[in-house]
């Protein structure tokens, strides 16, 4: 309480000090305005780089997931293209089998992000540096 009282009694000193700081910050901001004028492409690329730096773990996990989906779909698609059922039912069978294969993988994966004990254990491993286990609910939704 005595410190607050001292500060309030010496408010004129601190007001003068803060005004000097505000003049300094105004001068600094005027000097920096020339640096702020950049092209829209440069601003967008900088924002994109910041986005990549902040979300690189999410992006690579989603990219891996999409690549696995594409791989499973094409594997089943071409596997059933060699069978006689393709000549009877056509591309509907191939599409259904490819989608079913990706669905099996997703059904096996959907509960993994919401298993609390498993996620807690994985957070303590070195794998947590490259996989965002803290974002498990969003991955479950996706």
Protein backbone atom coordinates (compact mmCIF):
# COMPACT_ATOMS: atom_id res chain seq x y z
CA UNK A 1 0.00 0.00 0.00
CA UNK A 2 2.83 2.40 0.79
CA UNK A 3 4.33 1.74 -2.63
CA UNK A 4 1.09 2.71 -4.33
CA UNK A 5 0.90 5.84 -2.19
CA UNK A 6 4.45 6.77 -3.19
CA UNK A 7 3.67 6.26 -6.85
CA UNK A 8 0.56 8.43 -6.63
CA UNK A 9 2.45 11.21 -4.87
CA UNK A 10 5.14 11.16 -7.56
CA UNK A 11 2.72 10.98 -10.50
CA UNK A 12 4.03 14.15 -12.12
CA UNK A 13 7.47 12.62 -12.46
CA UNK A 14 6.07 9.48 -14.04
CA UNK A 15 3.76 11.44 -16.34
CA UNK A 16 6.67 13.44 -17.70
CA UNK A 17 8.65 10.24 -18.13
CA UNK A 18 5.84 8.52 -19.98
CA UNK A 19 5.30 11.54 -22.25
CA UNK A 20 8.93 11.38 -23.24
CA UNK A 21 8.45 7.74 -24.04
CA UNK A 22 5.35 8.44 -26.07
CA UNK A 23 7.19 11.11 -28.11
CA UNK A 24 9.98 8.63 -28.70
CA UNK A 25 7.56 5.93 -29.78
CA UNK A 26 5.80 8.36 -32.16
CA UNK A 27 9.11 9.30 -33.76
CA UNK A 28 10.05 5.66 -34.06
CA UNK A 29 6.72 4.75 -35.64
CA UNK A 30 7.11 7.59 -38.17
CA UNK A 31 10.54 6.28 -39.09
CA UNK A 32 9.19 2.77 -39.51
CA UNK A 33 6.28 3.77 -41.77
CA UNK A 34 8.54 3.64 -44.81
CA UNK A 35 9.30 0.02 -44.03
CA UNK A 36 5.62 -0.91 -43.78
CA UNK A 37 4.80 -0.01 -47.38
CA UNK A 38 5.30 -3.32 -49.11
CA UNK A 39 3.67 -4.91 -52.07
CA UNK A 40 0.55 -7.04 -51.52
CA UNK A 41 2.35 -10.09 -52.87
CA UNK A 42 5.14 -9.66 -50.34
CA UNK A 43 2.61 -9.24 -47.51
CA UNK A 44 0.70 -12.35 -48.59
CA UNK A 45 3.86 -14.40 -48.93
CA UNK A 46 4.99 -13.25 -45.47
CA UNK A 47 1.61 -14.18 -43.99
CA UNK A 48 1.80 -17.54 -45.73
CA UNK A 49 5.26 -18.17 -44.31
CA UNK A 50 4.08 -17.25 -40.82
CA UNK A 51 1.12 -19.60 -41.28
CA UNK A 52 3.46 -22.41 -42.34
CA UNK A 53 5.79 -21.78 -39.40
CA UNK A 54 2.93 -21.91 -36.91
CA UNK A 55 1.02 -24.83 -38.41
CA UNK A 56 3.67 -27.02 -40.03
CA UNK A 57 2.90 -29.98 -37.76
CA UNK A 58 -0.81 -29.89 -38.59
CA UNK A 59 -0.10 -29.48 -42.29
CA UNK A 60 2.25 -32.43 -42.56
CA UNK A 61 -0.07 -34.71 -40.57
CA UNK A 62 -3.01 -33.79 -42.81
CA UNK A 63 -0.83 -34.20 -45.91
CA UNK A 64 0.24 -37.64 -44.72
CA UNK A 65 -3.40 -38.57 -44.05
CA UNK A 66 -4.51 -37.41 -47.53
CA UNK A 67 -1.62 -39.29 -49.17
CA UNK A 68 -2.58 -42.48 -47.31
CA UNK A 69 -6.18 -42.01 -48.47
CA UNK A 70 -5.12 -41.54 -52.08
CA UNK A 71 -2.79 -44.53 -51.87
CA UNK A 72 -5.43 -46.84 -50.39
CA UNK A 73 -8.06 -45.74 -52.88
CA UNK A 74 -5.84 -46.26 -55.92
CA UNK A 75 -4.54 -49.58 -54.59
CA UNK A 76 -8.05 -51.02 -54.27
CA UNK A 77 -9.18 -49.35 -57.48
CA UNK A 78 -6.47 -51.05 -59.56
CA UNK A 79 -6.71 -54.29 -57.61
CA UNK A 80 -10.35 -54.72 -58.57
CA UNK A 81 -9.79 -53.50 -62.13
CA UNK A 82 -8.07 -56.81 -62.86
CA UNK A 83 -11.03 -58.90 -61.65
CA UNK A 84 -13.91 -60.21 -63.71
CA UNK A 85 -16.44 -58.26 -61.61
CA UNK A 86 -15.15 -55.09 -63.25
CA UNK A 87 -16.42 -56.25 -66.63
CA UNK A 88 -19.87 -56.87 -65.14
CA UNK A 89 -20.32 -53.79 -62.93
CA UNK A 90 -17.82 -51.30 -64.38
CA UNK A 91 -16.30 -48.36 -62.55
CA UNK A 92 -19.01 -48.29 -59.87
CA UNK A 93 -17.45 -51.36 -58.26
CA UNK A 94 -13.95 -49.89 -58.38
CA UNK A 95 -15.08 -46.62 -56.83
CA UNK A 96 -17.07 -48.39 -54.12
CA UNK A 97 -14.17 -50.69 -53.21
CA UNK A 98 -11.68 -47.81 -53.14
CA UNK A 99 -13.99 -45.74 -50.93
CA UNK A 100 -14.60 -48.73 -48.65
CA UNK A 101 -10.85 -49.18 -48.17
CA UNK A 102 -10.40 -45.55 -47.15
CA UNK A 103 -13.43 -45.83 -44.90
CA UNK A 104 -11.91 -48.83 -43.11
CA UNK A 105 -8.75 -46.84 -42.43
CA UNK A 106 -10.73 -43.84 -41.17
CA UNK A 107 -12.86 -45.99 -38.88
CA UNK A 108 -9.71 -47.47 -37.38
CA UNK A 109 -8.27 -43.97 -36.96
CA UNK A 110 -11.29 -42.04 -35.70
CA UNK A 111 -11.10 -43.11 -32.05
CA UNK A 112 -7.33 -42.74 -31.75
CA UNK A 113 -7.32 -38.93 -31.18
CA UNK A 114 -9.87 -39.13 -28.35
CA UNK A 115 -8.21 -41.90 -26.33
CA UNK A 116 -7.06 -39.85 -23.36
CA UNK A 117 -4.54 -42.24 -21.87
CA UNK A 118 -2.92 -42.92 -25.21
CA UNK A 119 -2.69 -39.22 -26.12
CA UNK A 120 -1.29 -38.37 -22.67
CA UNK A 121 1.36 -41.06 -23.05
CA UNK A 122 2.23 -39.94 -26.60
CA UNK A 123 2.66 -36.34 -25.45
CA UNK A 124 5.55 -37.48 -23.26
CA UNK A 125 7.39 -39.15 -26.17
CA UNK A 126 9.70 -37.56 -28.72
CA UNK A 127 6.98 -38.00 -31.32
CA UNK A 128 5.21 -34.97 -29.82
CA UNK A 129 7.79 -32.68 -31.49
CA UNK A 130 6.44 -33.53 -34.95
CA UNK A 131 2.82 -34.54 -34.24
CA UNK A 132 0.44 -32.04 -32.63
CA UNK A 133 -1.19 -34.25 -29.99
CA UNK A 134 -2.69 -31.17 -28.32
CA UNK A 135 -4.92 -30.66 -31.36
CA UNK A 136 -6.48 -34.10 -31.06
CA UNK A 137 -10.14 -32.98 -31.00
CA UNK A 138 -9.79 -31.10 -34.29
CA UNK A 139 -8.17 -34.14 -35.91
CA UNK A 140 -11.00 -36.29 -34.60
CA UNK A 141 -13.51 -33.92 -36.23
CA UNK A 142 -11.63 -33.92 -39.51
